[in-house]
Each structure stands twice: as structure tokens, then as C-alpha cells.
N, C-alpha and C. Protein backbone atom coordinates (compact mmCIF):
# COMPACT_ATOMS: atom_id res chain seq x y z
N MET A 1 -17.26 -12.57 13.76
CA MET A 1 -16.74 -11.36 13.15
C MET A 1 -15.67 -11.77 12.15
N ARG A 2 -15.74 -11.22 10.95
CA ARG A 2 -14.75 -11.49 9.91
C ARG A 2 -13.66 -10.43 9.99
N VAL A 3 -12.40 -10.88 10.23
CA VAL A 3 -11.28 -9.97 10.42
C VAL A 3 -10.19 -10.31 9.41
N LEU A 4 -9.68 -9.27 8.75
CA LEU A 4 -8.56 -9.42 7.82
C LEU A 4 -7.34 -8.75 8.43
N PHE A 5 -6.27 -9.52 8.61
CA PHE A 5 -5.00 -9.00 9.11
C PHE A 5 -4.09 -8.74 7.92
N VAL A 6 -3.51 -7.53 7.85
CA VAL A 6 -2.71 -7.13 6.70
C VAL A 6 -1.33 -6.69 7.16
N CYS A 7 -0.30 -7.14 6.42
CA CYS A 7 1.06 -6.62 6.59
C CYS A 7 1.67 -6.44 5.21
N ILE A 8 2.96 -6.26 5.14
CA ILE A 8 3.60 -6.01 3.84
C ILE A 8 3.57 -7.26 2.95
N GLY A 9 4.15 -8.36 3.43
CA GLY A 9 4.32 -9.53 2.58
C GLY A 9 3.44 -10.72 2.90
N ASN A 10 2.63 -10.62 3.95
CA ASN A 10 1.81 -11.74 4.41
C ASN A 10 2.67 -12.97 4.65
N ALA A 11 3.86 -12.71 5.20
CA ALA A 11 4.78 -13.80 5.47
C ALA A 11 5.05 -13.97 6.96
N CYS A 12 4.88 -12.92 7.74
CA CYS A 12 5.19 -13.00 9.18
C CYS A 12 4.04 -12.47 10.02
N ARG A 13 3.95 -11.14 10.17
CA ARG A 13 3.01 -10.54 11.13
C ARG A 13 1.57 -10.95 10.90
N SER A 14 1.07 -10.77 9.69
CA SER A 14 -0.35 -11.07 9.46
C SER A 14 -0.62 -12.57 9.51
N GLN A 15 0.36 -13.39 9.10
CA GLN A 15 0.20 -14.84 9.23
C GLN A 15 0.10 -15.23 10.70
N MET A 16 0.96 -14.64 11.54
CA MET A 16 0.91 -14.93 12.97
C MET A 16 -0.43 -14.51 13.56
N ALA A 17 -0.87 -13.31 13.23
CA ALA A 17 -2.13 -12.80 13.78
C ALA A 17 -3.30 -13.68 13.37
N GLU A 18 -3.34 -14.06 12.11
CA GLU A 18 -4.41 -14.95 11.64
C GLU A 18 -4.38 -16.27 12.41
N ALA A 19 -3.18 -16.84 12.57
CA ALA A 19 -3.06 -18.12 13.26
C ALA A 19 -3.47 -18.01 14.73
N PHE A 20 -3.04 -16.94 15.41
CA PHE A 20 -3.46 -16.75 16.79
C PHE A 20 -4.98 -16.57 16.89
N ALA A 21 -5.56 -15.80 15.98
CA ALA A 21 -7.01 -15.57 16.01
C ALA A 21 -7.77 -16.88 15.82
N ARG A 22 -7.31 -17.70 14.90
CA ARG A 22 -7.98 -18.98 14.67
C ARG A 22 -7.83 -19.91 15.87
N ALA A 23 -6.62 -19.94 16.44
CA ALA A 23 -6.35 -20.86 17.55
C ALA A 23 -7.00 -20.42 18.86
N ARG A 24 -7.02 -19.13 19.11
CA ARG A 24 -7.48 -18.63 20.41
C ARG A 24 -8.90 -18.06 20.39
N GLY A 25 -9.38 -17.70 19.19
CA GLY A 25 -10.69 -17.07 19.12
C GLY A 25 -11.57 -17.53 17.99
N GLY A 26 -11.34 -18.76 17.55
CA GLY A 26 -12.11 -19.29 16.43
C GLY A 26 -13.61 -19.31 16.65
N ASP A 27 -14.03 -19.22 17.90
CA ASP A 27 -15.46 -19.20 18.19
C ASP A 27 -16.09 -17.85 17.90
N VAL A 28 -15.27 -16.78 17.81
CA VAL A 28 -15.83 -15.45 17.59
C VAL A 28 -15.21 -14.71 16.39
N ILE A 29 -14.12 -15.25 15.83
CA ILE A 29 -13.45 -14.59 14.71
C ILE A 29 -13.26 -15.57 13.57
N HIS A 30 -13.64 -15.12 12.38
CA HIS A 30 -13.22 -15.80 11.15
C HIS A 30 -12.07 -14.95 10.62
N ALA A 31 -10.85 -15.46 10.73
CA ALA A 31 -9.66 -14.68 10.39
C ALA A 31 -9.09 -15.07 9.03
N GLU A 32 -8.64 -14.06 8.32
CA GLU A 32 -7.87 -14.24 7.10
C GLU A 32 -6.71 -13.25 7.16
N SER A 33 -5.73 -13.44 6.28
CA SER A 33 -4.61 -12.50 6.23
C SER A 33 -4.19 -12.28 4.80
N ALA A 34 -3.50 -11.15 4.59
CA ALA A 34 -3.03 -10.79 3.25
C ALA A 34 -1.88 -9.81 3.38
N GLY A 35 -1.18 -9.65 2.27
CA GLY A 35 -0.08 -8.69 2.22
C GLY A 35 -0.28 -7.68 1.11
N LEU A 36 0.26 -6.50 1.31
CA LEU A 36 0.19 -5.48 0.26
C LEU A 36 1.00 -5.92 -0.95
N TRP A 37 2.16 -6.51 -0.69
CA TRP A 37 3.03 -7.05 -1.73
C TRP A 37 3.46 -8.43 -1.27
N PRO A 38 2.67 -9.47 -1.58
CA PRO A 38 2.90 -10.80 -1.02
C PRO A 38 4.30 -11.35 -1.31
N ALA A 39 4.87 -11.96 -0.29
CA ALA A 39 6.16 -12.62 -0.40
C ALA A 39 5.98 -13.94 -1.16
N SER A 40 7.07 -14.57 -1.46
CA SER A 40 7.00 -15.85 -2.18
C SER A 40 6.80 -17.03 -1.23
N ARG A 41 7.14 -16.83 0.05
CA ARG A 41 7.00 -17.94 1.01
C ARG A 41 6.95 -17.38 2.43
N ILE A 42 6.54 -18.24 3.35
CA ILE A 42 6.60 -17.91 4.77
C ILE A 42 7.98 -18.35 5.26
N PRO A 43 8.74 -17.46 5.90
CA PRO A 43 10.08 -17.85 6.36
C PRO A 43 10.03 -19.01 7.37
N SER A 44 11.03 -19.86 7.29
CA SER A 44 11.09 -21.01 8.20
C SER A 44 11.14 -20.54 9.66
N GLU A 45 11.75 -19.38 9.91
CA GLU A 45 11.80 -18.85 11.28
C GLU A 45 10.40 -18.54 11.82
N THR A 46 9.54 -18.03 10.96
CA THR A 46 8.17 -17.72 11.38
C THR A 46 7.42 -19.01 11.71
N VAL A 47 7.59 -20.01 10.87
CA VAL A 47 6.96 -21.31 11.13
C VAL A 47 7.45 -21.86 12.46
N GLU A 48 8.76 -21.80 12.68
CA GLU A 48 9.35 -22.29 13.92
C GLU A 48 8.82 -21.54 15.14
N LEU A 49 8.74 -20.22 15.03
CA LEU A 49 8.24 -19.40 16.15
C LEU A 49 6.82 -19.78 16.53
N MET A 50 5.98 -20.04 15.55
CA MET A 50 4.60 -20.40 15.85
C MET A 50 4.50 -21.83 16.39
N LEU A 51 5.38 -22.71 15.94
CA LEU A 51 5.39 -24.07 16.50
C LEU A 51 5.75 -24.04 17.98
N GLU A 52 6.55 -23.05 18.39
CA GLU A 52 6.86 -22.90 19.81
C GLU A 52 5.59 -22.64 20.63
N LYS A 53 4.56 -22.11 19.97
CA LYS A 53 3.26 -21.86 20.62
C LYS A 53 2.25 -22.96 20.27
N ASN A 54 2.76 -24.06 19.67
CA ASN A 54 1.91 -25.20 19.26
C ASN A 54 0.87 -24.80 18.21
N ILE A 55 1.25 -23.91 17.32
CA ILE A 55 0.37 -23.48 16.24
C ILE A 55 1.11 -23.69 14.92
N ARG A 56 0.46 -24.42 14.02
CA ARG A 56 1.06 -24.69 12.70
C ARG A 56 0.63 -23.61 11.71
N LEU A 57 1.57 -23.19 10.88
CA LEU A 57 1.28 -22.29 9.76
C LEU A 57 1.29 -23.14 8.49
N ASP A 58 0.12 -23.36 7.94
CA ASP A 58 0.02 -24.22 6.76
C ASP A 58 -0.28 -23.42 5.49
N GLY A 59 -0.43 -22.12 5.62
CA GLY A 59 -0.84 -21.32 4.49
C GLY A 59 0.32 -20.87 3.62
N PHE A 60 0.05 -19.90 2.81
CA PHE A 60 1.04 -19.30 1.93
C PHE A 60 0.71 -17.82 1.82
N PRO A 61 1.68 -16.99 1.47
CA PRO A 61 1.42 -15.55 1.35
C PRO A 61 0.39 -15.26 0.26
N LYS A 62 -0.54 -14.37 0.58
CA LYS A 62 -1.61 -13.98 -0.33
C LYS A 62 -1.67 -12.46 -0.44
N GLY A 63 -2.17 -11.99 -1.54
CA GLY A 63 -2.42 -10.56 -1.72
C GLY A 63 -3.83 -10.21 -1.33
N LEU A 64 -4.11 -8.92 -1.25
CA LEU A 64 -5.45 -8.47 -0.90
C LEU A 64 -6.49 -8.99 -1.88
N ASP A 65 -6.11 -9.14 -3.13
CA ASP A 65 -7.05 -9.61 -4.15
C ASP A 65 -7.36 -11.11 -4.02
N GLN A 66 -6.67 -11.80 -3.14
CA GLN A 66 -6.89 -13.23 -2.95
C GLN A 66 -7.69 -13.55 -1.69
N THR A 67 -8.19 -12.53 -1.04
CA THR A 67 -8.98 -12.75 0.17
C THR A 67 -10.46 -12.68 -0.16
N GLY A 68 -11.25 -13.06 0.81
CA GLY A 68 -12.69 -12.95 0.64
C GLY A 68 -13.13 -11.51 0.73
N ILE A 69 -14.42 -11.32 0.80
CA ILE A 69 -14.98 -9.97 0.94
C ILE A 69 -15.90 -9.95 2.15
N GLY A 70 -16.38 -8.78 2.49
CA GLY A 70 -17.34 -8.67 3.58
C GLY A 70 -16.71 -8.73 4.96
N PHE A 71 -15.52 -8.15 5.11
CA PHE A 71 -14.89 -8.14 6.43
C PHE A 71 -15.55 -7.10 7.32
N ASP A 72 -15.60 -7.42 8.61
CA ASP A 72 -16.14 -6.49 9.60
C ASP A 72 -15.06 -5.57 10.13
N LEU A 73 -13.79 -6.00 10.03
CA LEU A 73 -12.66 -5.23 10.52
C LEU A 73 -11.42 -5.61 9.75
N ILE A 74 -10.60 -4.60 9.44
CA ILE A 74 -9.29 -4.83 8.85
C ILE A 74 -8.26 -4.33 9.84
N VAL A 75 -7.31 -5.18 10.19
CA VAL A 75 -6.22 -4.81 11.09
C VAL A 75 -4.98 -4.63 10.22
N ASN A 76 -4.49 -3.41 10.15
CA ASN A 76 -3.36 -3.08 9.30
C ASN A 76 -2.09 -3.00 10.15
N MET A 77 -1.16 -3.91 9.89
CA MET A 77 0.13 -3.92 10.58
C MET A 77 1.26 -3.55 9.63
N SER A 78 0.93 -3.11 8.44
CA SER A 78 1.94 -2.87 7.41
C SER A 78 2.73 -1.58 7.63
N GLY A 79 2.15 -0.62 8.33
CA GLY A 79 2.78 0.68 8.44
C GLY A 79 2.59 1.52 7.20
N GLU A 80 1.83 1.01 6.26
CA GLU A 80 1.54 1.69 5.00
C GLU A 80 0.03 1.93 4.90
N PRO A 81 -0.36 2.95 4.13
CA PRO A 81 -1.80 3.12 3.91
C PRO A 81 -2.35 1.98 3.05
N LEU A 82 -3.56 1.58 3.36
CA LEU A 82 -4.21 0.54 2.56
C LEU A 82 -4.73 1.15 1.27
N PRO A 83 -4.72 0.37 0.19
CA PRO A 83 -5.25 0.91 -1.07
C PRO A 83 -6.75 1.15 -0.96
N GLU A 84 -7.19 2.21 -1.58
CA GLU A 84 -8.63 2.54 -1.60
C GLU A 84 -9.33 1.70 -2.65
N PRO A 85 -10.59 1.42 -2.55
CA PRO A 85 -11.42 1.71 -1.40
C PRO A 85 -11.27 0.62 -0.33
N VAL A 86 -11.43 1.01 0.91
CA VAL A 86 -11.39 0.07 2.03
C VAL A 86 -12.83 -0.22 2.42
N SER A 87 -13.14 -1.49 2.50
CA SER A 87 -14.54 -1.90 2.67
C SER A 87 -14.97 -2.14 4.11
N ALA A 88 -14.09 -1.85 5.07
CA ALA A 88 -14.43 -2.10 6.48
C ALA A 88 -13.64 -1.12 7.33
N PRO A 89 -14.04 -0.94 8.58
CA PRO A 89 -13.23 -0.12 9.49
C PRO A 89 -11.82 -0.69 9.59
N VAL A 90 -10.84 0.20 9.71
CA VAL A 90 -9.44 -0.20 9.78
C VAL A 90 -8.89 0.16 11.16
N ARG A 91 -8.21 -0.80 11.75
CA ARG A 91 -7.51 -0.58 13.01
C ARG A 91 -6.02 -0.71 12.72
N GLU A 92 -5.24 0.26 13.15
CA GLU A 92 -3.80 0.24 12.92
C GLU A 92 -3.09 -0.35 14.13
N TRP A 93 -2.29 -1.37 13.90
CA TRP A 93 -1.44 -1.94 14.93
C TRP A 93 0.00 -1.65 14.54
N HIS A 94 0.74 -1.01 15.41
CA HIS A 94 2.13 -0.68 15.14
C HIS A 94 3.01 -1.81 15.65
N VAL A 95 3.38 -2.68 14.72
CA VAL A 95 4.16 -3.87 15.04
C VAL A 95 5.35 -3.90 14.08
N GLU A 96 6.54 -3.96 14.64
CA GLU A 96 7.76 -3.99 13.84
C GLU A 96 7.79 -5.23 12.94
N ASP A 97 8.30 -5.07 11.74
CA ASP A 97 8.45 -6.18 10.81
C ASP A 97 9.60 -7.07 11.30
N PRO A 98 9.34 -8.35 11.58
CA PRO A 98 10.38 -9.21 12.13
C PRO A 98 11.35 -9.79 11.10
N VAL A 99 11.10 -9.58 9.83
CA VAL A 99 11.95 -10.16 8.79
C VAL A 99 13.41 -9.75 9.01
N CYS A 100 14.28 -10.72 9.02
CA CYS A 100 15.74 -10.54 9.13
C CYS A 100 16.21 -10.07 10.51
N LEU A 101 15.34 -10.05 11.48
CA LEU A 101 15.75 -9.67 12.84
C LEU A 101 16.23 -10.91 13.58
N PRO A 102 17.02 -10.74 14.65
CA PRO A 102 17.43 -11.89 15.46
C PRO A 102 16.21 -12.62 16.04
N MET A 103 16.35 -13.92 16.24
CA MET A 103 15.23 -14.74 16.71
C MET A 103 14.65 -14.22 18.03
N MET A 104 15.47 -13.73 18.93
CA MET A 104 14.95 -13.21 20.20
C MET A 104 13.99 -12.06 19.95
N ARG A 105 14.34 -11.17 19.05
CA ARG A 105 13.46 -10.03 18.74
C ARG A 105 12.21 -10.52 18.02
N GLN A 106 12.36 -11.51 17.14
CA GLN A 106 11.19 -12.07 16.46
C GLN A 106 10.22 -12.69 17.46
N ARG A 107 10.75 -13.34 18.51
CA ARG A 107 9.87 -13.90 19.56
C ARG A 107 9.11 -12.79 20.27
N GLU A 108 9.79 -11.69 20.56
CA GLU A 108 9.13 -10.56 21.22
C GLU A 108 8.00 -10.01 20.35
N ILE A 109 8.23 -9.92 19.06
CA ILE A 109 7.21 -9.42 18.14
C ILE A 109 6.05 -10.41 18.06
N ARG A 110 6.37 -11.71 17.99
CA ARG A 110 5.32 -12.73 18.00
C ARG A 110 4.46 -12.60 19.24
N ASP A 111 5.10 -12.43 20.39
CA ASP A 111 4.37 -12.32 21.65
C ASP A 111 3.54 -11.04 21.69
N GLN A 112 4.04 -9.95 21.12
CA GLN A 112 3.27 -8.71 21.03
C GLN A 112 2.02 -8.94 20.19
N ILE A 113 2.16 -9.63 19.08
CA ILE A 113 1.01 -9.92 18.23
C ILE A 113 0.00 -10.78 18.97
N GLU A 114 0.48 -11.77 19.72
CA GLU A 114 -0.43 -12.62 20.49
C GLU A 114 -1.23 -11.79 21.50
N VAL A 115 -0.58 -10.88 22.18
CA VAL A 115 -1.27 -10.02 23.15
C VAL A 115 -2.32 -9.17 22.45
N LEU A 116 -1.97 -8.59 21.31
CA LEU A 116 -2.93 -7.76 20.57
C LEU A 116 -4.13 -8.58 20.10
N VAL A 117 -3.87 -9.77 19.59
CA VAL A 117 -4.97 -10.62 19.12
C VAL A 117 -5.84 -11.06 20.29
N ARG A 118 -5.23 -11.43 21.41
CA ARG A 118 -6.03 -11.80 22.59
C ARG A 118 -6.90 -10.63 23.06
N GLY A 119 -6.36 -9.42 22.98
CA GLY A 119 -7.15 -8.24 23.33
C GLY A 119 -8.33 -8.06 22.40
N LEU A 120 -8.12 -8.26 21.11
CA LEU A 120 -9.20 -8.16 20.14
C LEU A 120 -10.26 -9.23 20.41
N ILE A 121 -9.82 -10.43 20.69
CA ILE A 121 -10.76 -11.52 20.99
C ILE A 121 -11.59 -11.17 22.24
N ALA A 122 -10.94 -10.68 23.28
CA ALA A 122 -11.66 -10.30 24.51
C ALA A 122 -12.66 -9.19 24.22
N GLU A 123 -12.27 -8.23 23.41
CA GLU A 123 -13.18 -7.13 23.04
C GLU A 123 -14.41 -7.66 22.32
N ILE A 124 -14.21 -8.57 21.39
CA ILE A 124 -15.33 -9.13 20.63
C ILE A 124 -16.22 -9.97 21.54
N ARG A 125 -15.63 -10.73 22.42
CA ARG A 125 -16.42 -11.57 23.33
C ARG A 125 -17.19 -10.72 24.35
N GLY A 126 -16.61 -9.56 24.69
CA GLY A 126 -17.22 -8.71 25.71
C GLY A 126 -18.45 -8.06 25.23
């Protein structure tokens, strides 16, 4: 299943979701991520948080126009409407933006994203 994870800047939430999907469900998900308004870089805190889970973030923030096509599902974590037209079913995940939050709260958000991604993987495998 081709899944696109979307957030505001493609610097934190969607990068984490893509990385978890690849690491935990690469057998059933081809994951990509993008941002509505891509950031210039992935924050070092986000990289550090994922390394705590033994997952490396090697990518860079991308916009929707820099992703592939033909997704089976789009997971929107931005809290904003996606630009039309949307080419796949959209699932809304309400996940707080971790940018500029204390590291403890960022860890909680990371863990929330991991739980959501694991649930999606289980659903696809089921």
C-alpha cells in the first residue's frame, strides 16, 4: 500500500510517521512524506528523538509537488485542509505539532505517532 504522510513543514510529524512506517511495516507499506509548506531542514531534536528508537532520518523536507503519485491513502496530520484535488482517501490524525515544544512533550508526540503508525500497519496486514 502506498501511503503519503502530510504535515505542515515535513520536518517532524510526517517525517517520523514515514520513518516508523518504513522501519516497522516496510513489508506492507511504501511510505513517503510531504509538507504543505516545507521547512528548510529537519530539526536536530527530531533526528535525536528518532535515534532514540534506532531509526535514522536521512531525508529532507519536501512539498506535495515533490512526492510520487498513485497513493492508496493520505494521512493528514497538518490540521489544515489538503489542497484540491486529492487523489486518494484521506485519513485525519490529530497530532500536535512538536516544533519548539520541550523534549519530553516531543517524545510523547513521537510515541503517539508510533502507536498510530503501528495501528495502520496492523490494519493493512489484517
